[in-house]
């Protein structure tokens, strides 16, 4: 019997004040998704497109997975 999983990808970016992502905000985001049954599968560093302008800022892609209901 195989288990079916669903995935969710969340973009996490900060305004990069001091070139550092806010670890408290990241921890809160991880805990929020964990409370909904999502397990962290991967964290990927990536250029994340901003809302203003054509450039990208450094950010994280958080990939979660959980068994389908």
C-alpha atoms as a PDB file:
ATOM      1  CA  UNK A   1       0.000   0.000   0.000  1.00  0.00           C
ATOM      2  CA  UNK A   2       1.497   3.323  -1.017  1.00  0.00           C
ATOM      3  CA  UNK A   3       0.967   6.572   0.783  1.00  0.00           C
ATOM      4  CA  UNK A   4      -0.014   9.647  -1.171  1.00  0.00           C
ATOM      5  CA  UNK A   5       1.533  12.921  -0.132  1.00  0.00           C
ATOM      6  CA  UNK A   6       0.781  16.505  -0.942  1.00  0.00           C
ATOM      7  CA  UNK A   7       3.399  19.227  -1.134  1.00  0.00           C
ATOM      8  CA  UNK A   8       3.431  22.939  -0.405  1.00  0.00           C
ATOM      9  CA  UNK A   9       6.109  25.485  -1.296  1.00  0.00           C
ATOM     10  CA  UNK A  10       6.296  28.721   0.690  1.00  0.00           C
ATOM     11  CA  UNK A  11       8.433  31.726  -0.256  1.00  0.00           C
ATOM     12  CA  UNK A  12      10.188  33.298   2.709  1.00  0.00           C
ATOM     13  CA  UNK A  13      11.926  36.593   2.076  1.00  0.00           C
ATOM     14  CA  UNK A  14      12.944  39.539   4.157  1.00  0.00           C
ATOM     15  CA  UNK A  15      13.921  43.073   3.316  1.00  0.00           C
ATOM     16  CA  UNK A  16      17.438  41.933   4.199  1.00  0.00           C
ATOM     17  CA  UNK A  17      18.265  44.603   6.723  1.00  0.00           C
ATOM     18  CA  UNK A  18      21.843  43.765   7.584  1.00  0.00           C
ATOM     19  CA  UNK A  19      21.810  40.979   4.982  1.00  0.00           C
ATOM     20  CA  UNK A  20      20.316  38.504   7.455  1.00  0.00           C
ATOM     21  CA  UNK A  21      17.041  36.647   7.411  1.00  0.00           C
ATOM     22  CA  UNK A  22      15.087  36.968  10.656  1.00  0.00           C
ATOM     23  CA  UNK A  23      15.445  33.576  12.342  1.00  0.00           C
ATOM     24  CA  UNK A  24      12.558  34.274  14.751  1.00  0.00           C
ATOM     25  CA  UNK A  25      10.174  34.897  11.836  1.00  0.00           C
ATOM     26  CA  UNK A  26      11.460  31.793  10.072  1.00  0.00           C
ATOM     27  CA  UNK A  27      10.930  29.720  13.219  1.00  0.00           C
ATOM     28  CA  UNK A  28       7.376  31.053  13.596  1.00  0.00           C
ATOM     29  CA  UNK A  29       6.618  30.211   9.948  1.00  0.00           C
ATOM     30  CA  UNK A  30       7.952  26.671  10.363  1.00  0.00           C
ATOM     31  CA  UNK A  31       5.955  26.141  13.568  1.00  0.00           C
ATOM     32  CA  UNK A  32       2.779  27.536  11.981  1.00  0.00           C
ATOM     33  CA  UNK A  33       2.944  25.034   9.116  1.00  0.00           C
ATOM     34  CA  UNK A  34       3.911  22.185  11.473  1.00  0.00           C
ATOM     35  CA  UNK A  35       0.777  22.908  13.531  1.00  0.00           C
ATOM     36  CA  UNK A  36      -1.236  22.324  10.339  1.00  0.00           C
ATOM     37  CA  UNK A  37       0.409  18.931   9.829  1.00  0.00           C
ATOM     38  CA  UNK A  38       3.107  19.968   7.342  1.00  0.00           C
ATOM     39  CA  UNK A  39       6.584  18.468   7.747  1.00  0.00           C
ATOM     40  CA  UNK A  40       9.570  20.380   6.396  1.00  0.00           C
ATOM     41  CA  UNK A  41      11.062  18.537   3.434  1.00  0.00           C
ATOM     42  CA  UNK A  42      13.669  21.045   2.219  1.00  0.00           C
ATOM     43  CA  UNK A  43      14.910  24.614   2.503  1.00  0.00           C
ATOM     44  CA  UNK A  44      16.384  26.072  -0.686  1.00  0.00           C
ATOM     45  CA  UNK A  45      18.156  29.407  -0.986  1.00  0.00           C
ATOM     46  CA  UNK A  46      17.006  31.282  -4.071  1.00  0.00           C
ATOM     47  CA  UNK A  47      16.625  34.657  -5.707  1.00  0.00           C
ATOM     48  CA  UNK A  48      13.031  35.583  -4.909  1.00  0.00           C
ATOM     49  CA  UNK A  49      11.302  38.103  -7.123  1.00  0.00           C
ATOM     50  CA  UNK A  50      10.267  41.199  -5.208  1.00  0.00           C
ATOM     51  CA  UNK A  51       7.066  43.184  -5.538  1.00  0.00           C
ATOM     52  CA  UNK A  52       8.815  46.282  -6.820  1.00  0.00           C
ATOM     53  CA  UNK A  53      11.266  46.324  -9.703  1.00  0.00           C
ATOM     54  CA  UNK A  54      12.690  43.592 -11.906  1.00  0.00           C
ATOM     55  CA  UNK A  55      15.400  42.367  -9.511  1.00  0.00           C
ATOM     56  CA  UNK A  56      15.334  39.576  -6.999  1.00  0.00           C
ATOM     57  CA  UNK A  57      16.295  39.427  -3.347  1.00  0.00           C
ATOM     58  CA  UNK A  58      17.833  36.488  -1.555  1.00  0.00           C
ATOM     59  CA  UNK A  59      15.214  34.384   0.065  1.00  0.00           C
ATOM     60  CA  UNK A  60      14.253  30.856   0.967  1.00  0.00           C
ATOM     61  CA  UNK A  61      11.858  28.391  -0.573  1.00  0.00           C
ATOM     62  CA  UNK A  62      10.414  26.193   2.164  1.00  0.00           C
ATOM     63  CA  UNK A  63       9.091  22.874   0.854  1.00  0.00           C
ATOM     64  CA  UNK A  64       6.644  21.009   3.086  1.00  0.00           C
ATOM     65  CA  UNK A  65       5.005  17.618   2.766  1.00  0.00           C
ATOM     66  CA  UNK A  66       2.174  15.794   4.542  1.00  0.00           C
ATOM     67  CA  UNK A  67       0.074  12.713   3.931  1.00  0.00           C
ATOM     68  CA  UNK A  68      -3.096  13.354   1.941  1.00  0.00           C
ATOM     69  CA  UNK A  69      -6.227  13.254   4.031  1.00  0.00           C
END
